[in-house]
Amino acid sequence: MNRPNYVFFIMGKSSTGKDTIFQQLCEQKDLGLKVIISYTTRPIRGNEAEGNEYHFTDEACFQAFQAAGSVVENRVYHTYHGLWRYFTVDDGQFDFPPDSPDRLMIGTLESFLCVKKYFPELSVVPLLIELDDGVRLERALKREMSQETPRYEEMCRRFLADTDDFAEDLIEDAGIDKRFYNHESTTTAQNIATYIRELRGK
């Protein structure tokens, strides 16, 4: 019997260390995960590169995908710096030809639900990362201070919005019962890797 085609989906509030864990999982070659890259219209940060964290694009590109009917999910944020979109596209990254590797992606609880609904034939596995709010806020401020043009207002908006976006009732309704508390990213990544191996072995 063939095992499911897995999409392992990392999510969590801002500054929980998702990006670091994501990268550490990518570097574990024995997992053989292929990254699904989402799109955004927000400005690129100083430590980012096109095609790594996101495809950095514009509103015209989004509208073209929308017209083609290939937008899987779309999140709109009315920030202090204008409208920013984060969206996922059915652009071939979710195709699973024979012997194709499992996928890894990162997003929000909302985007997880949309991907799961859009691709019912895939096994989309939530990997919820959690961290104390005080530590998150400290990390967010440190990261923003390191940017060439800090956006403190947007940092605060996003931090507060996380309370609604990851409310306990929404997590429960999504059927998520497995969480990873990120005391230390390397250990957390190893725990997730073990979880992935266990799922594949069932």
Protein backbone atom coordinates (compact mmCIF):
# COMPACT_ATOMS: atom_id res chain seq x y z
CA MET A 1 0.00 0.00 0.00
CA ASN A 2 1.37 3.41 -0.95
CA ARG A 3 1.86 5.86 1.89
CA PRO A 4 0.24 9.33 1.74
CA ASN A 5 1.77 12.29 -0.04
CA TYR A 6 2.64 14.57 2.87
CA VAL A 7 2.74 18.34 3.06
CA PHE A 8 4.28 19.24 6.44
CA PHE A 9 2.96 22.67 7.36
CA ILE A 10 4.83 24.81 9.92
CA MET A 11 2.75 27.49 11.60
CA GLY A 12 2.75 29.65 14.71
CA LYS A 13 2.56 33.19 15.98
CA SER A 14 5.16 35.73 14.86
CA SER A 15 8.67 35.39 16.30
CA THR A 16 8.20 31.85 17.58
CA GLY A 17 11.28 30.77 15.60
CA LYS A 18 9.37 29.22 12.68
CA ASP A 19 11.85 30.36 10.04
CA THR A 20 14.84 28.94 11.92
CA ILE A 21 13.13 25.60 12.47
CA PHE A 22 12.02 25.56 8.85
CA GLN A 23 15.61 26.01 7.69
CA GLN A 24 16.92 23.34 10.07
CA LEU A 25 14.39 20.83 8.76
CA CYS A 26 15.42 21.67 5.19
CA GLU A 27 19.03 20.93 6.10
CA GLN A 28 18.21 17.42 7.38
CA LYS A 29 18.93 15.60 4.14
CA ASP A 30 17.56 12.26 5.34
CA LEU A 31 14.08 13.82 5.55
CA GLY A 32 14.25 14.64 1.84
CA LEU A 33 11.74 17.49 2.05
CA LYS A 34 11.05 19.77 -0.91
CA VAL A 35 10.13 23.34 0.00
CA ILE A 36 6.91 24.98 -1.14
CA ILE A 37 7.49 28.71 -1.48
CA SER A 38 4.60 31.13 -1.01
CA TYR A 39 4.29 34.64 -2.43
CA THR A 40 4.10 38.06 -0.80
CA THR A 41 3.79 41.68 -1.87
CA ARG A 42 5.47 43.02 1.27
CA PRO A 43 8.96 44.54 0.99
CA ILE A 44 11.87 42.17 1.24
CA ARG A 45 13.82 42.28 4.52
CA GLY A 46 17.55 42.74 4.74
CA ASN A 47 18.26 39.11 5.63
CA GLU A 48 15.97 37.62 2.96
CA ALA A 49 16.50 36.57 -0.64
CA GLU A 50 14.06 36.07 -3.50
CA GLY A 51 12.94 32.45 -3.73
CA ASN A 52 14.12 31.49 -0.25
CA GLU A 53 11.54 32.67 2.27
CA TYR A 54 9.05 33.92 -0.34
CA HIS A 55 8.61 34.91 -3.93
CA PHE A 56 8.53 38.69 -3.59
CA THR A 57 6.10 40.11 -6.11
CA ASP A 58 3.48 42.82 -6.61
CA GLU A 59 -0.28 43.33 -6.84
CA ALA A 60 -0.32 42.89 -10.63
CA CYS A 61 1.21 39.43 -10.30
CA PHE A 62 -1.37 38.45 -7.69
CA GLN A 63 -4.22 39.64 -9.89
CA ALA A 64 -2.87 37.58 -12.79
CA PHE A 65 -2.80 34.43 -10.66
CA GLN A 66 -6.28 35.24 -9.37
CA ALA A 67 -7.62 35.64 -12.90
CA ALA A 68 -6.13 32.27 -13.81
CA GLY A 69 -7.89 30.62 -10.87
CA SER A 70 -4.66 29.35 -9.36
CA VAL A 71 -4.66 31.15 -5.97
CA VAL A 72 -4.92 28.53 -3.22
CA GLU A 73 -5.20 31.01 -0.36
CA ASN A 74 -4.79 34.74 0.09
CA ARG A 75 -4.26 36.76 3.26
CA VAL A 76 -4.56 40.54 3.16
CA TYR A 77 -3.00 42.74 5.84
CA HIS A 78 -3.79 46.44 5.99
CA THR A 79 -0.53 47.53 7.54
CA TYR A 80 0.85 50.91 8.52
CA HIS A 81 2.80 50.77 5.28
CA GLY A 82 -0.04 49.84 2.94
CA LEU A 83 -1.72 46.65 1.79
CA TRP A 84 0.44 43.54 2.00
CA ARG A 85 -0.60 40.16 0.61
CA TYR A 86 0.66 36.71 1.45
CA PHE A 87 -0.63 34.00 -0.85
CA THR A 88 -0.10 30.47 -2.06
CA VAL A 89 -0.38 29.47 -5.71
CA ASP A 90 -1.18 26.19 -7.43
CA ASP A 91 1.89 26.56 -9.63
CA GLY A 92 3.11 22.96 -9.75
CA GLN A 93 4.76 22.90 -6.34
CA PHE A 94 2.00 20.65 -4.98
CA ASP A 95 2.29 18.09 -7.81
CA PHE A 96 3.40 14.64 -6.69
CA PRO A 97 4.70 12.57 -9.61
CA PRO A 98 5.93 9.02 -8.78
CA ASP A 99 8.72 8.92 -6.17
CA SER A 100 8.26 12.64 -5.51
CA PRO A 101 9.52 13.87 -2.09
CA ASP A 102 7.26 15.13 0.66
CA ARG A 103 6.77 18.87 0.88
CA LEU A 104 7.50 21.43 3.59
CA MET A 105 5.88 24.84 3.83
CA ILE A 106 5.30 27.62 6.32
CA GLY A 107 2.24 29.79 6.91
CA THR A 108 -0.65 30.61 9.22
CA LEU A 109 -3.49 28.59 10.68
CA GLU A 110 -5.80 30.13 8.08
CA SER A 111 -3.51 29.23 5.18
CA PHE A 112 -3.11 25.69 6.52
CA LEU A 113 -6.88 25.19 6.42
CA CYS A 114 -7.10 26.61 2.90
CA VAL A 115 -4.32 24.35 1.57
CA LYS A 116 -5.95 21.33 3.22
CA LYS A 117 -9.30 22.17 1.61
CA TYR A 118 -7.83 22.95 -1.85
CA PHE A 119 -5.81 19.70 -1.97
CA PRO A 120 -8.04 17.07 -0.26
CA GLU A 121 -6.00 14.28 -1.88
CA LEU A 122 -2.89 15.30 0.09
CA SER A 123 -2.09 14.65 3.74
CA VAL A 124 -1.44 18.18 5.07
CA VAL A 125 0.16 17.81 8.51
CA PRO A 126 0.13 20.78 10.93
CA LEU A 127 3.32 21.54 12.87
CA LEU A 128 2.30 24.19 15.41
CA ILE A 129 5.23 26.07 16.99
CA GLU A 130 4.63 27.86 20.30
CA LEU A 131 6.65 30.19 22.52
CA ASP A 132 6.05 32.46 25.51
CA ASP A 133 4.63 35.84 24.46
CA GLY A 134 7.27 37.81 26.35
CA VAL A 135 10.09 35.99 24.57
CA ARG A 136 8.34 36.46 21.24
CA LEU A 137 8.03 40.20 21.77
CA GLU A 138 11.68 40.49 22.74
CA ARG A 139 12.72 38.58 19.61
CA ALA A 140 10.44 40.63 17.36
CA LEU A 141 11.85 43.91 18.66
CA LYS A 142 15.44 42.73 18.25
CA ARG A 143 14.77 41.64 14.67
CA GLU A 144 13.07 44.89 13.76
CA MET A 145 15.87 46.97 15.25
CA SER A 146 18.33 45.18 12.96
CA GLN A 147 16.44 46.25 9.81
CA GLU A 148 17.65 49.18 7.73
CA THR A 149 14.15 50.66 7.99
CA PRO A 150 12.47 49.35 11.15
CA ARG A 151 8.67 49.05 10.99
CA TYR A 152 7.72 49.06 14.66
CA GLU A 153 4.05 49.86 14.07
CA GLU A 154 3.68 46.84 11.81
CA MET A 155 5.53 44.68 14.33
CA CYS A 156 3.05 45.66 17.05
CA ARG A 157 0.03 45.18 14.75
CA ARG A 158 1.16 41.70 13.82
CA PHE A 159 1.96 40.74 17.41
CA LEU A 160 -1.53 41.72 18.58
CA ALA A 161 -3.26 40.12 15.57
CA ASP A 162 -1.69 36.76 16.47
CA THR A 163 -3.98 36.54 19.50
CA ASP A 164 -7.00 36.33 17.21
CA ASP A 165 -5.35 34.36 14.41
CA PHE A 166 -4.21 31.60 16.77
CA ALA A 167 -7.08 31.63 19.25
CA GLU A 168 -7.46 28.35 21.14
CA ASP A 169 -10.93 27.66 19.73
CA LEU A 170 -9.59 28.02 16.17
CA ILE A 171 -6.73 25.62 16.89
CA GLU A 172 -9.19 23.12 18.36
CA ASP A 173 -11.62 23.49 15.44
CA ALA A 174 -8.73 22.80 13.04
CA GLY A 175 -8.17 19.46 14.76
CA ILE A 176 -4.62 20.32 15.87
CA ASP A 177 -3.63 18.32 18.93
CA LYS A 178 0.15 18.20 18.47
CA ARG A 179 2.25 21.22 19.48
CA PHE A 180 5.96 21.93 19.66
CA TYR A 181 7.14 24.41 22.31
CA ASN A 182 10.29 26.07 21.01
CA HIS A 183 12.60 26.28 24.01
CA GLU A 184 15.58 25.88 21.67
CA SER A 185 15.31 25.66 17.91
CA THR A 186 17.75 22.79 17.28
CA THR A 187 16.00 20.56 19.81
CA THR A 188 12.58 21.55 18.47
CA ALA A 189 13.63 20.78 14.90
CA GLN A 190 14.90 17.37 16.00
CA ASN A 191 11.61 16.65 17.78
CA ILE A 192 9.68 17.57 14.63
CA ALA A 193 12.00 15.42 12.50
CA THR A 194 11.32 12.47 14.79
CA TYR A 195 7.58 13.11 14.50
CA ILE A 196 7.85 13.16 10.68
CA ARG A 197 9.75 9.86 10.65
CA GLU A 198 7.15 8.28 12.95
CA LEU A 199 4.31 9.37 10.68
CA ARG A 200 6.04 7.98 7.63
CA GLY A 201 6.61 4.68 9.42
CA LYS A 202 2.92 4.10 10.17
